[in-house]
N, C-alpha and C. Protein backbone atom coordinates (compact mmCIF):
# COMPACT_ATOMS: atom_id res chain seq x y z
N MET A 1 -6.91 9.33 -0.45
CA MET A 1 -7.64 10.45 -0.05
C MET A 1 -8.33 11.08 -1.18
N TYR A 2 -9.54 11.44 -0.77
CA TYR A 2 -10.47 12.17 -1.83
C TYR A 2 -9.74 13.49 -2.17
N VAL A 3 -9.91 13.67 -3.49
CA VAL A 3 -9.34 14.73 -4.23
C VAL A 3 -10.50 15.59 -4.57
N CYS A 4 -11.29 15.07 -5.28
CA CYS A 4 -12.67 15.73 -6.02
C CYS A 4 -13.85 15.25 -4.84
N LEU A 5 -14.26 16.09 -4.09
CA LEU A 5 -15.46 15.88 -3.11
C LEU A 5 -16.73 15.88 -4.13
N CYS A 6 -16.84 16.63 -5.30
CA CYS A 6 -18.14 16.79 -5.83
C CYS A 6 -18.48 15.54 -6.66
N ARG A 7 -17.30 14.62 -6.87
CA ARG A 7 -17.37 13.70 -7.94
C ARG A 7 -16.98 12.34 -7.10
N GLY A 8 -16.52 12.47 -5.76
CA GLY A 8 -16.03 11.26 -5.22
C GLY A 8 -14.77 10.84 -5.68
N ILE A 9 -14.00 11.43 -6.06
CA ILE A 9 -12.63 11.05 -6.95
C ILE A 9 -11.43 11.12 -6.21
N THR A 10 -10.79 9.82 -5.81
CA THR A 10 -9.41 10.03 -5.25
C THR A 10 -8.24 10.13 -5.91
N ASP A 11 -7.17 10.47 -5.18
CA ASP A 11 -5.76 10.57 -5.92
C ASP A 11 -5.50 9.18 -6.47
N ARG A 12 -5.93 8.06 -5.99
CA ARG A 12 -5.65 6.82 -6.84
C ARG A 12 -6.30 6.74 -8.08
N ASP A 13 -7.63 7.31 -8.16
CA ASP A 13 -8.13 7.18 -9.32
C ASP A 13 -7.59 8.16 -10.45
N ILE A 14 -7.06 9.55 -10.00
CA ILE A 14 -6.32 10.24 -10.88
C ILE A 14 -4.83 9.70 -11.23
N ARG A 15 -4.44 9.17 -10.27
CA ARG A 15 -3.03 8.24 -10.69
C ARG A 15 -3.25 7.35 -11.66
N ASN A 16 -4.45 6.60 -11.49
CA ASN A 16 -4.85 5.49 -12.49
C ASN A 16 -5.05 6.09 -13.84
N ALA A 17 -5.79 7.15 -13.81
CA ALA A 17 -6.14 7.82 -15.03
C ALA A 17 -4.74 8.25 -15.72
N ILE A 18 -3.96 8.94 -15.12
CA ILE A 18 -2.65 9.26 -15.47
C ILE A 18 -1.95 8.03 -16.22
N HIS A 19 -1.65 7.00 -15.36
CA HIS A 19 -1.24 5.70 -16.08
C HIS A 19 -1.76 5.27 -17.06
N GLU A 20 -2.93 5.40 -17.34
CA GLU A 20 -3.77 4.76 -18.56
C GLU A 20 -3.64 5.85 -19.61
N GLY A 21 -2.95 6.93 -19.67
CA GLY A 21 -2.69 7.98 -20.36
C GLY A 21 -3.22 9.32 -20.75
N ALA A 22 -3.79 9.64 -19.48
CA ALA A 22 -4.31 10.94 -19.30
C ALA A 22 -3.05 11.88 -19.09
N ASN A 23 -2.76 12.91 -19.99
CA ASN A 23 -1.63 13.59 -19.80
C ASN A 23 -2.10 15.29 -19.94
N SER A 24 -3.21 15.64 -19.39
CA SER A 24 -3.53 16.81 -19.22
C SER A 24 -4.76 17.01 -18.31
N LEU A 25 -4.92 18.11 -17.80
CA LEU A 25 -6.14 18.42 -16.90
C LEU A 25 -7.32 18.08 -17.73
N ALA A 26 -7.34 18.52 -19.04
CA ALA A 26 -8.68 18.48 -19.78
C ALA A 26 -9.15 16.72 -19.66
N ASP A 27 -7.69 16.01 -19.86
CA ASP A 27 -8.18 14.60 -20.13
C ASP A 27 -8.57 13.91 -18.89
N ILE A 28 -8.02 14.38 -17.66
CA ILE A 28 -8.63 13.69 -16.37
C ILE A 28 -9.94 14.31 -16.25
N GLU A 29 -10.32 15.61 -16.54
CA GLU A 29 -11.68 15.96 -16.52
C GLU A 29 -12.73 15.22 -17.29
N GLN A 30 -12.25 14.98 -18.51
CA GLN A 30 -13.13 14.17 -19.55
C GLN A 30 -13.07 12.53 -19.06
N ARG A 31 -12.23 12.07 -18.45
CA ARG A 31 -12.11 10.69 -17.94
C ARG A 31 -12.91 10.43 -16.71
N LEU A 32 -12.71 11.43 -15.76
CA LEU A 32 -13.19 11.10 -14.56
C LEU A 32 -14.20 12.17 -13.99
N GLY A 33 -14.15 13.22 -14.48
CA GLY A 33 -15.19 14.37 -14.05
C GLY A 33 -14.66 15.21 -12.88
N ALA A 34 -13.31 15.02 -12.65
CA ALA A 34 -12.61 15.68 -11.65
C ALA A 34 -12.44 17.05 -12.15
N GLY A 35 -12.54 18.16 -11.21
CA GLY A 35 -12.60 19.54 -11.65
C GLY A 35 -13.71 20.13 -12.56
N THR A 36 -14.78 19.42 -12.71
CA THR A 36 -15.88 19.94 -13.55
C THR A 36 -17.05 20.18 -12.39
N GLY A 37 -16.79 20.11 -11.22
CA GLY A 37 -17.81 20.62 -10.24
C GLY A 37 -17.45 22.17 -9.87
N CYS A 38 -17.16 22.11 -8.57
CA CYS A 38 -16.77 23.42 -7.89
C CYS A 38 -15.40 23.96 -8.44
N GLY A 39 -14.51 23.00 -8.87
CA GLY A 39 -13.18 23.24 -9.28
C GLY A 39 -12.20 23.36 -8.39
N GLY A 40 -12.49 23.00 -7.07
CA GLY A 40 -11.52 23.23 -6.16
C GLY A 40 -10.50 22.14 -6.25
N CYS A 41 -10.63 20.98 -6.78
CA CYS A 41 -9.44 20.02 -6.78
C CYS A 41 -8.75 20.32 -7.87
N ARG A 42 -9.00 21.19 -8.74
CA ARG A 42 -7.98 21.50 -10.00
C ARG A 42 -6.53 21.72 -9.85
N ASP A 43 -6.36 22.27 -8.79
CA ASP A 43 -4.85 22.63 -8.48
C ASP A 43 -3.84 21.35 -7.94
N PHE A 44 -4.72 20.70 -7.09
CA PHE A 44 -3.91 19.54 -6.84
C PHE A 44 -3.94 18.40 -7.77
N THR A 45 -4.91 18.34 -8.54
CA THR A 45 -4.99 17.27 -9.67
C THR A 45 -3.96 17.73 -10.86
N SER A 46 -3.86 19.19 -10.83
CA SER A 46 -2.56 19.50 -11.77
C SER A 46 -1.26 19.18 -11.29
N ARG A 47 -1.25 19.29 -10.00
CA ARG A 47 0.16 18.81 -9.42
C ARG A 47 0.59 17.30 -9.20
N LEU A 48 -0.53 16.69 -9.34
CA LEU A 48 -0.55 15.05 -9.33
C LEU A 48 0.08 14.71 -10.79
N LEU A 49 -0.59 15.66 -12.11
CA LEU A 49 -0.21 15.44 -13.26
C LEU A 49 1.25 15.91 -13.46
N GLU A 50 1.68 16.91 -13.05
CA GLU A 50 2.93 17.41 -13.13
C GLU A 50 4.07 16.51 -12.41
N ASP A 51 3.62 16.07 -11.14
CA ASP A 51 4.66 15.14 -10.54
C ASP A 51 4.84 13.95 -11.48
N SER A 52 3.83 13.45 -12.13
CA SER A 52 3.85 12.07 -12.72
C SER A 52 4.74 12.46 -13.99
N GLN A 53 4.65 13.58 -14.66
CA GLN A 53 5.45 14.00 -15.91
C GLN A 53 6.71 14.17 -15.55
N ARG A 54 6.88 14.74 -14.33
CA ARG A 54 8.47 14.92 -13.94
C ARG A 54 9.00 13.62 -13.78
N ARG A 55 8.42 12.59 -12.98
CA ARG A 55 8.85 11.44 -12.83
C ARG A 55 9.17 10.41 -14.22
N GLU A 56 8.45 10.60 -15.05
CA GLU A 56 8.70 10.07 -16.33
C GLU A 56 9.78 10.71 -17.09
N ALA A 57 9.97 11.93 -16.94
CA ALA A 57 11.12 12.53 -17.70
C ALA A 57 12.24 12.02 -16.91
N VAL A 58 12.61 11.87 -15.71
CA VAL A 58 13.56 11.59 -14.90
C VAL A 58 13.98 10.04 -15.23
N GLU A 59 12.76 9.16 -15.44
CA GLU A 59 13.31 7.85 -15.59
C GLU A 59 13.57 7.57 -17.11
N ALA A 60 13.14 8.56 -18.24
CA ALA A 60 13.61 8.40 -19.48
C ALA A 60 15.11 8.93 -19.70
N LEU A 61 15.42 9.92 -18.92
CA LEU A 61 16.72 10.27 -18.68
C LEU A 61 17.92 9.17 -18.24
N ALA A 62 17.27 8.59 -17.15
CA ALA A 62 18.05 7.55 -16.66
C ALA A 62 18.20 6.39 -17.53
N TYR A 63 17.16 6.18 -18.10
CA TYR A 63 17.14 4.95 -19.14
C TYR A 63 18.13 5.27 -20.15
N ALA A 64 18.19 6.57 -20.82
CA ALA A 64 19.12 7.08 -22.08
C ALA A 64 20.46 7.03 -21.31
N ALA A 65 20.63 7.20 -20.37
CA ALA A 65 22.28 7.41 -19.66
C ALA A 65 22.68 5.86 -19.40
N ALA A 66 21.87 4.98 -19.23
CA ALA A 66 22.29 3.57 -19.03
C ALA A 66 22.82 2.78 -20.28
């Protein structure tokens, strides 16, 4: 699904950038350009980032408990 219409960036593009190490909205803006046009995608991009960080934290806790 397209998230950033200004730059033609999809949720997959953003998830890939996060997987490759982007850990802030500024990182995603720098790597992909998402959020640097009209800014309408910034909230959703932030939610994708937060979801990924939450998932990583849960995985780390599960690993530590094992």
